[in-house]
PDB file of N, CA and C in Angstrom:
ATOM      1  N   UNK A   1       7.357  61.778 -11.440  1.00  0.00           N
ATOM      2  CA  UNK A   1       7.824  61.136 -10.417  1.00  0.00           C
ATOM      3  C   UNK A   1       6.873  60.508  -9.432  1.00  0.00           C
ATOM      4  N   UNK A   2       6.181  61.297  -9.212  1.00  0.00           N
ATOM      5  CA  UNK A   2       4.720  60.677  -8.501  1.00  0.00           C
ATOM      6  C   UNK A   2       4.538  58.974  -8.816  1.00  0.00           C
ATOM      7  N   UNK A   3       4.481  58.628  -9.874  1.00  0.00           N
ATOM      8  CA  UNK A   3       4.137  57.411 -10.303  1.00  0.00           C
ATOM      9  C   UNK A   3       5.328  56.567 -10.002  1.00  0.00           C
ATOM     10  N   UNK A   4       6.403  56.779 -10.189  1.00  0.00           N
ATOM     11  CA  UNK A   4       7.335  56.307  -9.554  1.00  0.00           C
ATOM     12  C   UNK A   4       7.199  55.667  -8.075  1.00  0.00           C
ATOM     13  N   UNK A   5       7.093  56.686  -7.091  1.00  0.00           N
ATOM     14  CA  UNK A   5       6.825  56.545  -5.809  1.00  0.00           C
ATOM     15  C   UNK A   5       5.479  55.581  -5.800  1.00  0.00           C
ATOM     16  N   UNK A   6       4.605  55.392  -6.114  1.00  0.00           N
ATOM     17  CA  UNK A   6       3.666  55.224  -6.250  1.00  0.00           C
ATOM     18  C   UNK A   6       3.511  53.404  -6.613  1.00  0.00           C
ATOM     19  N   UNK A   7       4.574  53.382  -7.708  1.00  0.00           N
ATOM     20  CA  UNK A   7       4.921  52.011  -8.447  1.00  0.00           C
ATOM     21  C   UNK A   7       5.979  51.316  -7.173  1.00  0.00           C
ATOM     22  N   UNK A   8       6.714  51.714  -6.498  1.00  0.00           N
ATOM     23  CA  UNK A   8       7.429  51.636  -5.535  1.00  0.00           C
ATOM     24  C   UNK A   8       6.771  50.785  -4.220  1.00  0.00           C
ATOM     25  N   UNK A   9       5.571  52.170  -4.633  1.00  0.00           N
ATOM     26  CA  UNK A   9       4.895  51.748  -2.974  1.00  0.00           C
ATOM     27  C   UNK A   9       3.937  50.133  -3.177  1.00  0.00           C
ATOM     28  N   UNK A  10       3.602  50.249  -4.378  1.00  0.00           N
ATOM     29  CA  UNK A  10       2.511  48.994  -4.909  1.00  0.00           C
ATOM     30  C   UNK A  10       3.602  47.763  -4.986  1.00  0.00           C
ATOM     31  N   UNK A  11       4.752  47.998  -5.207  1.00  0.00           N
ATOM     32  CA  UNK A  11       5.631  47.073  -5.261  1.00  0.00           C
ATOM     33  C   UNK A  11       5.886  46.557  -3.965  1.00  0.00           C
ATOM     34  N   UNK A  12       5.916  47.078  -2.695  1.00  0.00           N
ATOM     35  CA  UNK A  12       6.372  46.924  -1.386  1.00  0.00           C
ATOM     36  C   UNK A  12       4.909  46.027  -0.610  1.00  0.00           C
ATOM     37  N   UNK A  13       3.655  46.567  -1.308  1.00  0.00           N
ATOM     38  CA  UNK A  13       2.567  46.230  -0.902  1.00  0.00           C
ATOM     39  C   UNK A  13       2.501  45.162  -1.233  1.00  0.00           C
ATOM     40  N   UNK A  14       2.684  44.369  -2.875  1.00  0.00           N
ATOM     41  CA  UNK A  14       2.277  43.307  -3.412  1.00  0.00           C
ATOM     42  C   UNK A  14       3.396  41.982  -2.738  1.00  0.00           C
ATOM     43  N   UNK A  15       4.484  42.826  -2.205  1.00  0.00           N
ATOM     44  CA  UNK A  15       5.818  41.722  -1.709  1.00  0.00           C
ATOM     45  C   UNK A  15       5.247  41.460  -0.381  1.00  0.00           C
ATOM     46  N   UNK A  16       4.634  42.246   0.340  1.00  0.00           N
ATOM     47  CA  UNK A  16       3.993  41.775   1.733  1.00  0.00           C
ATOM     48  C   UNK A  16       3.042  40.647   1.705  1.00  0.00           C
ATOM     49  N   UNK A  17       2.138  41.181   0.642  1.00  0.00           N
ATOM     50  CA  UNK A  17       1.214  40.268   0.192  1.00  0.00           C
ATOM     51  C   UNK A  17       1.251  38.966  -0.204  1.00  0.00           C
ATOM     52  N   UNK A  18       2.434  38.881  -0.997  1.00  0.00           N
ATOM     53  CA  UNK A  18       3.173  37.356  -1.435  1.00  0.00           C
ATOM     54  C   UNK A  18       3.832  36.733  -0.112  1.00  0.00           C
ATOM     55  N   UNK A  19       4.111  37.485   1.111  1.00  0.00           N
ATOM     56  CA  UNK A  19       5.080  36.978   1.359  1.00  0.00           C
ATOM     57  C   UNK A  19       3.971  36.253   2.921  1.00  0.00           C
ATOM     58  N   UNK A  20       2.750  37.140   2.979  1.00  0.00           N
ATOM     59  CA  UNK A  20       1.700  36.799   4.206  1.00  0.00           C
ATOM     60  C   UNK A  20       0.979  35.410   3.431  1.00  0.00           C
ATOM     61  N   UNK A  21       0.916  35.421   2.125  1.00  0.00           N
ATOM     62  CA  UNK A  21       0.279  34.102   1.200  1.00  0.00           C
ATOM     63  C   UNK A  21       1.192  32.960   1.783  1.00  0.00           C
ATOM     64  N   UNK A  22       2.300  33.002   1.357  1.00  0.00           N
ATOM     65  CA  UNK A  22       3.518  32.011   1.702  1.00  0.00           C
ATOM     66  C   UNK A  22       3.074  31.266   3.094  1.00  0.00           C
ATOM     67  N   UNK A  23       3.251  32.220   3.897  1.00  0.00           N
ATOM     68  CA  UNK A  23       3.303  31.950   5.239  1.00  0.00           C
ATOM     69  C   UNK A  23       1.784  31.247   5.776  1.00  0.00           C
ATOM     70  N   UNK A  24       0.724  31.414   5.129  1.00  0.00           N
ATOM     71  CA  UNK A  24      -0.412  31.123   5.328  1.00  0.00           C
ATOM     72  C   UNK A  24      -0.525  29.676   4.968  1.00  0.00           C
ATOM     73  N   UNK A  25       0.117  29.215   3.430  1.00  0.00           N
ATOM     74  CA  UNK A  25       0.248  28.223   2.626  1.00  0.00           C
ATOM     75  C   UNK A  25       1.214  27.310   3.953  1.00  0.00           C
ATOM     76  N   UNK A  26       2.294  27.952   4.197  1.00  0.00           N
ATOM     77  CA  UNK A  26       2.934  27.028   4.649  1.00  0.00           C
ATOM     78  C   UNK A  26       2.496  26.514   6.108  1.00  0.00           C
ATOM     79  N   UNK A  27       1.204  27.484   6.669  1.00  0.00           N
ATOM     80  CA  UNK A  27       1.048  27.160   8.359  1.00  0.00           C
ATOM     81  C   UNK A  27      -0.755  26.543   8.184  1.00  0.00           C
ATOM     82  N   UNK A  28      -0.549  26.089   7.023  1.00  0.00           N
ATOM     83  CA  UNK A  28      -2.186  25.515   6.294  1.00  0.00           C
ATOM     84  C   UNK A  28      -2.090  23.692   6.947  1.00  0.00           C
ATOM     85  N   UNK A  29      -0.302  23.374   6.629  1.00  0.00           N
ATOM     86  CA  UNK A  29      -0.480  21.938   7.131  1.00  0.00           C
ATOM     87  C   UNK A  29      -0.885  21.639   8.373  1.00  0.00           C
ATOM     88  N   UNK A  30      -0.178  22.469   9.156  1.00  0.00           N
ATOM     89  CA  UNK A  30      -0.551  22.026  11.011  1.00  0.00           C
ATOM     90  C   UNK A  30      -2.396  21.893  10.709  1.00  0.00           C
ATOM     91  N   UNK A  31      -2.857  22.995  10.596  1.00  0.00           N
ATOM     92  CA  UNK A  31      -4.345  23.150  10.241  1.00  0.00           C
ATOM     93  C   UNK A  31      -5.269  22.217  10.151  1.00  0.00           C
ATOM     94  N   UNK A  32      -4.424  21.529   8.941  1.00  0.00           N
ATOM     95  CA  UNK A  32      -4.958  20.597   8.396  1.00  0.00           C
ATOM     96  C   UNK A  32      -5.276  19.011   8.819  1.00  0.00           C
ATOM     97  N   UNK A  33      -3.765  19.146   9.571  1.00  0.00           N
ATOM     98  CA  UNK A  33      -4.038  17.703  10.315  1.00  0.00           C
ATOM     99  C   UNK A  33      -4.682  17.559  11.575  1.00  0.00           C
ATOM    100  N   UNK A  34      -5.019  18.729  12.477  1.00  0.00           N
ATOM    101  CA  UNK A  34      -5.683  19.016  13.434  1.00  0.00           C
ATOM    102  C   UNK A  34      -7.219  18.635  12.810  1.00  0.00           C
ATOM    103  N   UNK A  35      -7.751  19.760  11.974  1.00  0.00           N
ATOM    104  CA  UNK A  35      -9.170  19.874  11.506  1.00  0.00           C
ATOM    105  C   UNK A  35      -9.320  18.241  11.095  1.00  0.00           C
ATOM    106  N   UNK A  36      -9.004  17.857  10.087  1.00  0.00           N
ATOM    107  CA  UNK A  36      -8.990  16.528   9.793  1.00  0.00           C
ATOM    108  C   UNK A  36      -9.222  15.614  11.074  1.00  0.00           C
ATOM    109  N   UNK A  37      -8.508  15.477  11.871  1.00  0.00           N
ATOM    110  CA  UNK A  37      -8.644  14.415  12.579  1.00  0.00           C
ATOM    111  C   UNK A  37      -9.507  14.626  13.615  1.00  0.00           C
ATOM    112  N   UNK A  38     -10.164  15.973  13.869  1.00  0.00           N
ATOM    113  CA  UNK A  38     -11.090  16.284  14.644  1.00  0.00           C
ATOM    114  C   UNK A  38     -12.264  15.647  14.049  1.00  0.00           C
ATOM    115  N   UNK A  39     -12.158  16.535  12.960  1.00  0.00           N
ATOM    116  CA  UNK A  39     -13.764  16.129  11.977  1.00  0.00           C
ATOM    117  C   UNK A  39     -14.071  14.921  11.795  1.00  0.00           C
ATOM    118  N   UNK A  40     -13.171  13.629  11.400  1.00  0.00           N
ATOM    119  CA  UNK A  40     -12.825  12.372  11.605  1.00  0.00           C
ATOM    120  C   UNK A  40     -13.420  11.958  12.611  1.00  0.00           C
ATOM    121  N   UNK A  41     -13.106  12.492  13.811  1.00  0.00           N
ATOM    122  CA  UNK A  41     -12.902  12.165  15.210  1.00  0.00           C
ATOM    123  C   UNK A  41     -14.809  12.048  15.392  1.00  0.00           C
ATOM    124  N   UNK A  42     -15.317  13.356  15.296  1.00  0.00           N
ATOM    125  CA  UNK A  42     -16.321  13.711  15.285  1.00  0.00           C
ATOM    126  C   UNK A  42     -17.465  12.507  14.690  1.00  0.00           C
ATOM    127  N   UNK A  43     -17.149  12.584  13.359  1.00  0.00           N
ATOM    128  CA  UNK A  43     -18.139  11.738  12.746  1.00  0.00           C
ATOM    129  C   UNK A  43     -17.980  10.187  13.386  1.00  0.00           C
ATOM    130  N   UNK A  44     -16.513   9.969  13.945  1.00  0.00           N
ATOM    131  CA  UNK A  44     -16.808   8.613  14.611  1.00  0.00           C
ATOM    132  C   UNK A  44     -17.522   8.482  15.454  1.00  0.00           C
ATOM    133  N   UNK A  45     -17.375  10.059  16.447  1.00  0.00           N
ATOM    134  CA  UNK A  45     -18.103   9.880  17.757  1.00  0.00           C
ATOM    135  C   UNK A  45     -20.060   9.664  17.621  1.00  0.00           C
ATOM    136  N   UNK A  46     -20.149  10.122  16.481  1.00  0.00           N
ATOM    137  CA  UNK A  46     -21.562  10.285  16.476  1.00  0.00           C
ATOM    138  C   UNK A  46     -22.087   8.932  16.063  1.00  0.00           C
ATOM    139  N   UNK A  47     -21.083   8.581  15.271  1.00  0.00           N
ATOM    140  CA  UNK A  47     -21.202   6.374  14.801  1.00  0.00           C
ATOM    141  C   UNK A  47     -21.294   6.192  16.097  1.00  0.00           C
ATOM    142  N   UNK A  48     -20.040   6.188  16.848  1.00  0.00           N
ATOM    143  CA  UNK A  48     -20.221   5.517  17.970  1.00  0.00           C
ATOM    144  C   UNK A  48     -21.297   5.742  18.946  1.00  0.00           C
ATOM    145  N   UNK A  49     -22.000   6.949  18.989  1.00  0.00           N
ATOM    146  CA  UNK A  49     -22.942   6.849  19.757  1.00  0.00           C
ATOM    147  C   UNK A  49     -24.182   6.390  19.058  1.00  0.00           C
ATOM    148  N   UNK A  50     -24.437   6.370  18.173  1.00  0.00           N
ATOM    149  CA  UNK A  50     -25.527   5.769  17.304  1.00  0.00           C
ATOM    150  C   UNK A  50     -25.418   4.210  17.531  1.00  0.00           C
ATOM    151  N   UNK A  51     -24.710   3.653  17.266  1.00  0.00           N
ATOM    152  CA  UNK A  51     -24.313   2.196  16.863  1.00  0.00           C
ATOM    153  C   UNK A  51     -23.834   1.641  18.368  1.00  0.00           C
ATOM    154  N   UNK A  52     -23.867   2.478  19.092  1.00  0.00           N
ATOM    155  CA  UNK A  52     -23.323   2.258  20.852  1.00  0.00           C
ATOM    156  C   UNK A  52     -21.979   1.118  20.705  1.00  0.00           C
ATOM    157  N   UNK A  53     -20.677   1.871  19.985  1.00  0.00           N
ATOM    158  CA  UNK A  53     -19.695   0.968  19.930  1.00  0.00           C
ATOM    159  C   UNK A  53     -18.602   2.053  20.618  1.00  0.00           C
ATOM    160  N   UNK A  54     -19.284   2.580  21.290  1.00  0.00           N
ATOM    161  CA  UNK A  54     -17.804   3.949  21.966  1.00  0.00           C
ATOM    162  C   UNK A  54     -16.859   3.325  22.343  1.00  0.00           C
ATOM    163  N   UNK A  55     -15.340   4.082  22.388  1.00  0.00           N
ATOM    164  CA  UNK A  55     -14.672   5.031  21.567  1.00  0.00           C
ATOM    165  C   UNK A  55     -14.520   4.382  20.004  1.00  0.00           C
ATOM    166  N   UNK A  56     -14.582   3.311  19.663  1.00  0.00           N
ATOM    167  CA  UNK A  56     -14.106   2.218  18.599  1.00  0.00           C
ATOM    168  C   UNK A  56     -13.818   3.141  17.411  1.00  0.00           C
ATOM    169  N   UNK A  57     -15.016   3.795  16.770  1.00  0.00           N
ATOM    170  CA  UNK A  57     -15.134   4.895  15.922  1.00  0.00           C
ATOM    171  C   UNK A  57     -14.573   5.480  15.925  1.00  0.00           C
ATOM    172  N   UNK A  58     -14.534   6.361  17.032  1.00  0.00           N
ATOM    173  CA  UNK A  58     -13.921   7.761  17.041  1.00  0.00           C
ATOM    174  C   UNK A  58     -12.079   7.566  16.973  1.00  0.00           C
ATOM    175  N   UNK A  59     -11.673   6.713  17.540  1.00  0.00           N
ATOM    176  CA  UNK A  59     -10.335   6.592  17.326  1.00  0.00           C
ATOM    177  C   UNK A  59      -9.630   6.005  16.198  1.00  0.00           C
ATOM    178  N   UNK A  60     -10.900   5.442  15.246  1.00  0.00           N
ATOM    179  CA  UNK A  60     -10.187   4.379  14.209  1.00  0.00           C
ATOM    180  C   UNK A  60     -10.408   5.840  12.956  1.00  0.00           C
ATOM    181  N   UNK A  61     -11.117   6.681  13.154  1.00  0.00           N
ATOM    182  CA  UNK A  61     -11.723   7.570  11.763  1.00  0.00           C
ATOM    183  C   UNK A  61     -11.050   8.754  12.383  1.00  0.00           C
ATOM    184  N   UNK A  62     -10.344   8.937  13.536  1.00  0.00           N
ATOM    185  CA  UNK A  62      -9.758  10.371  13.799  1.00  0.00           C
ATOM    186  C   UNK A  62      -7.984   9.505  13.642  1.00  0.00           C
ATOM    187  N   UNK A  63      -7.987   8.753  13.488  1.00  0.00           N
ATOM    188  CA  UNK A  63      -6.591   7.899  13.346  1.00  0.00           C
ATOM    189  C   UNK A  63      -6.775   7.920  11.581  1.00  0.00           C
ATOM    190  N   UNK A  64      -7.562   7.899  11.280  1.00  0.00           N
ATOM    191  CA  UNK A  64      -7.685   8.139   9.230  1.00  0.00           C
ATOM    192  C   UNK A  64      -7.437   9.342   8.952  1.00  0.00           C
ATOM    193  N   UNK A  65      -8.318   9.906   9.666  1.00  0.00           N
ATOM    194  CA  UNK A  65      -8.279  11.915   9.339  1.00  0.00           C
ATOM    195  C   UNK A  65      -6.744  12.155   9.689  1.00  0.00           C
ATOM    196  N   UNK A  66      -6.202  11.751  10.396  1.00  0.00           N
ATOM    197  CA  UNK A  66      -4.601  12.580  10.603  1.00  0.00           C
ATOM    198  C   UNK A  66      -3.681  11.853   9.660  1.00  0.00           C
ATOM    199  N   UNK A  67      -4.133  10.368   9.514  1.00  0.00           N
ATOM    200  CA  UNK A  67      -2.987   9.475   8.165  1.00  0.00           C
ATOM    201  C   UNK A  67      -3.174  10.382   6.777  1.00  0.00           C
ATOM    202  N   UNK A  68      -4.114  10.511   6.675  1.00  0.00           N
ATOM    203  CA  UNK A  68      -4.890  11.033   5.541  1.00  0.00           C
ATOM    204  C   UNK A  68      -4.352  12.354   5.156  1.00  0.00           C
ATOM    205  N   UNK A  69      -4.637  13.170   6.270  1.00  0.00           N
ATOM    206  CA  UNK A  69      -3.880  14.694   6.300  1.00  0.00           C
ATOM    207  C   UNK A  69      -2.286  14.396   5.987  1.00  0.00           C
ATOM    208  N   UNK A  70      -1.973  13.461   6.675  1.00  0.00           N
ATOM    209  CA  UNK A  70      -0.167  13.842   6.644  1.00  0.00           C
ATOM    210  C   UNK A  70       0.202  13.457   5.188  1.00  0.00           C
ATOM    211  N   UNK A  71      -0.337  12.455   4.902  1.00  0.00           N
ATOM    212  CA  UNK A  71      -0.453  11.741   3.406  1.00  0.00           C
ATOM    213  C   UNK A  71      -0.077  13.205   2.498  1.00  0.00           C
ATOM    214  N   UNK A  72      -1.265  13.919   2.604  1.00  0.00           N
ATOM    215  CA  UNK A  72      -1.961  14.873   1.732  1.00  0.00           C
ATOM    216  C   UNK A  72      -0.127  15.839   1.810  1.00  0.00           C
ATOM    217  N   UNK A  73      -0.140  16.226   2.754  1.00  0.00           N
ATOM    218  CA  UNK A  73       1.023  17.111   3.085  1.00  0.00           C
ATOM    219  C   UNK A  73       2.233  16.318   2.558  1.00  0.00           C
ATOM    220  N   UNK A  74       2.539  15.209   2.838  1.00  0.00           N
ATOM    221  CA  UNK A  74       3.738  14.971   2.674  1.00  0.00           C
ATOM    222  C   UNK A  74       3.892  14.823   0.671  1.00  0.00           C
ATOM    223  N   UNK A  75       2.574  14.406   0.018  1.00  0.00           N
ATOM    224  CA  UNK A  75       2.995  14.337  -1.288  1.00  0.00           C
ATOM    225  C   UNK A  75       2.928  16.339  -1.926  1.00  0.00           C
ATOM    226  N   UNK A  76       2.188  16.998  -1.406  1.00  0.00           N
ATOM    227  CA  UNK A  76       2.293  18.662  -1.194  1.00  0.00           C
ATOM    228  C   UNK A  76       3.772  18.980  -1.281  1.00  0.00           C
ATOM    229  N   UNK A  77       4.325  18.448  -0.217  1.00  0.00           N
ATOM    230  CA  UNK A  77       5.760  19.207   0.005  1.00  0.00           C
ATOM    231  C   UNK A  77       6.584  18.488  -1.035  1.00  0.00           C
ATOM    232  N   UNK A  78       6.721  17.191  -1.208  1.00  0.00           N
ATOM    233  CA  UNK A  78       7.716  16.885  -2.376  1.00  0.00           C
ATOM    234  C   UNK A  78       7.180  16.958  -3.417  1.00  0.00           C
ATOM    235  N   UNK A  79       6.444  17.811  -4.045  1.00  0.00           N
ATOM    236  CA  UNK A  79       5.792  18.268  -5.167  1.00  0.00           C
ATOM    237  C   UNK A  79       6.332  19.925  -5.241  1.00  0.00           C
ATOM    238  N   UNK A  80       6.383  20.877  -4.172  1.00  0.00           N
ATOM    239  CA  UNK A  80       6.735  21.634  -4.112  1.00  0.00           C
ATOM    240  C   UNK A  80       8.201  21.455  -3.941  1.00  0.00           C
ATOM    241  N   UNK A  81       8.943  20.843  -3.661  1.00  0.00           N
ATOM    242  CA  UNK A  81      10.490  20.329  -3.422  1.00  0.00           C
ATOM    243  C   UNK A  81      11.111  20.417  -5.001  1.00  0.00           C
ATOM    244  N   UNK A  82      10.170  19.237  -5.443  1.00  0.00           N
ATOM    245  CA  UNK A  82      10.771  19.038  -6.964  1.00  0.00           C
ATOM    246  C   UNK A  82      10.824  20.260  -7.646  1.00  0.00           C
ATOM    247  N   UNK A  83       9.870  21.217  -7.782  1.00  0.00           N
ATOM    248  CA  UNK A  83       9.150  22.101  -8.769  1.00  0.00           C
ATOM    249  C   UNK A  83      10.435  23.269  -8.572  1.00  0.00           C
ATOM    250  N   UNK A  84      10.935  23.443  -7.428  1.00  0.00           N
ATOM    251  CA  UNK A  84      11.859  24.277  -6.654  1.00  0.00           C
ATOM    252  C   UNK A  84      13.200  24.002  -7.177  1.00  0.00           C
ATOM    253  N   UNK A  85      13.789  22.490  -7.180  1.00  0.00           N
ATOM    254  CA  UNK A  85      14.931  21.997  -7.644  1.00  0.00           C
ATOM    255  C   UNK A  85      14.863  21.911  -9.331  1.00  0.00           C
ATOM    256  N   UNK A  86      13.953  22.042  -9.723  1.00  0.00           N
ATOM    257  CA  UNK A  86      13.703  21.400 -11.134  1.00  0.00           C
ATOM    258  C   UNK A  86      14.437  23.640 -11.585  1.00  0.00           C
ATOM    259  N   UNK A  87      13.615  24.272 -11.121  1.00  0.00           N
ATOM    260  CA  UNK A  87      13.086  25.977 -11.125  1.00  0.00           C
ATOM    261  C   UNK A  87      14.830  26.280 -10.894  1.00  0.00           C
ATOM    262  N   UNK A  88      15.733  25.818 -10.381  1.00  0.00           N
ATOM    263  CA  UNK A  88      17.025  26.054  -9.899  1.00  0.00           C
ATOM    264  C   UNK A  88      17.919  25.372 -10.604  1.00  0.00           C
ATOM    265  N   UNK A  89      17.687  24.363 -11.528  1.00  0.00           N
ATOM    266  CA  UNK A  89      18.358  23.620 -12.432  1.00  0.00           C
ATOM    267  C   UNK A  89      18.722  22.737 -11.954  1.00  0.00           C
ATOM    268  N   UNK A  90      18.763  22.276 -10.490  1.00  0.00           N
ATOM    269  CA  UNK A  90      19.433  21.049  -9.817  1.00  0.00           C
ATOM    270  C   UNK A  90      18.691  19.744 -10.262  1.00  0.00           C
ATOM    271  N   UNK A  91      17.460  19.766 -10.652  1.00  0.00           N
ATOM    272  CA  UNK A  91      16.962  18.483 -11.188  1.00  0.00           C
ATOM    273  C   UNK A  91      16.583  18.804 -13.094  1.00  0.00           C
ATOM    274  N   UNK A  92      16.844  18.019 -13.427  1.00  0.00           N
ATOM    275  CA  UNK A  92      17.258  18.157 -14.761  1.00  0.00           C
ATOM    276  C   UNK A  92      15.595  17.540 -15.416  1.00  0.00           C
ATOM    277  N   UNK A  93      14.921  16.496 -15.169  1.00  0.00           N
ATOM    278  CA  UNK A  93      13.671  16.147 -15.554  1.00  0.00           C
ATOM    279  C   UNK A  93      12.566  15.519 -14.587  1.00  0.00           C
ATOM    280  N   UNK A  94      11.383  15.842 -14.575  1.00  0.00           N
ATOM    281  CA  UNK A  94      10.403  15.352 -13.837  1.00  0.00           C
ATOM    282  C   UNK A  94      10.833  13.755 -13.232  1.00  0.00           C
ATOM    283  N   UNK A  95      10.879  13.747 -11.743  1.00  0.00           N
ATOM    284  CA  UNK A  95      11.253  12.328 -11.368  1.00  0.00           C
ATOM    285  C   UNK A  95      10.499  10.833 -11.749  1.00  0.00           C
ATOM    286  N   UNK A  96      11.318   9.841 -11.645  1.00  0.00           N
ATOM    287  CA  UNK A  96      10.218   8.891 -12.264  1.00  0.00           C
ATOM    288  C   UNK A  96       9.199   8.540 -11.212  1.00  0.00           C
ATOM    289  N   UNK A  97       8.091   8.182 -11.428  1.00  0.00           N
ATOM    290  CA  UNK A  97       6.810   8.451 -10.990  1.00  0.00           C
ATOM    291  C   UNK A  97       6.143   8.937 -10.509  1.00  0.00           C
ATOM    292  N   UNK A  98       6.458  10.179 -11.004  1.00  0.00           N
ATOM    293  CA  UNK A  98       5.599  11.573 -10.861  1.00  0.00           C
ATOM    294  C   UNK A  98       4.804  11.452 -11.734  1.00  0.00           C
ATOM    295  N   UNK A  99       3.525  11.906 -11.356  1.00  0.00           N
ATOM    296  CA  UNK A  99       2.114  11.998 -12.160  1.00  0.00           C
ATOM    297  C   UNK A  99       1.602  13.623 -12.084  1.00  0.00           C
ATOM    298  N   UNK A 100       1.261  13.930 -12.887  1.00  0.00           N
ATOM    299  CA  UNK A 100       0.092  15.247 -12.802  1.00  0.00           C
ATOM    300  C   UNK A 100      -1.242  14.805 -12.766  1.00  0.00           C
TER     301      UNK A 100
END
């Protein structure tokens, strides 16, 4: 009887951990957008100071970081949705142009 209660407790703990993990994965896209833009902007700022071009490279590299992170998030989202549709049987095969 004690093992049954311990097993239920472990399952609840595992479910909480999985839920937290899913939440962190979902929110990581927002951090990725900000961090990529800031890091690339800082790199651009350093190059601007070194080359005397302020603020050209700061803006350009910041935008490149943001656009790159946006594209990455889009493709990860699309992959996750396709996988979910396949798991539910709503999609019979891999979409055309899909690469692994």
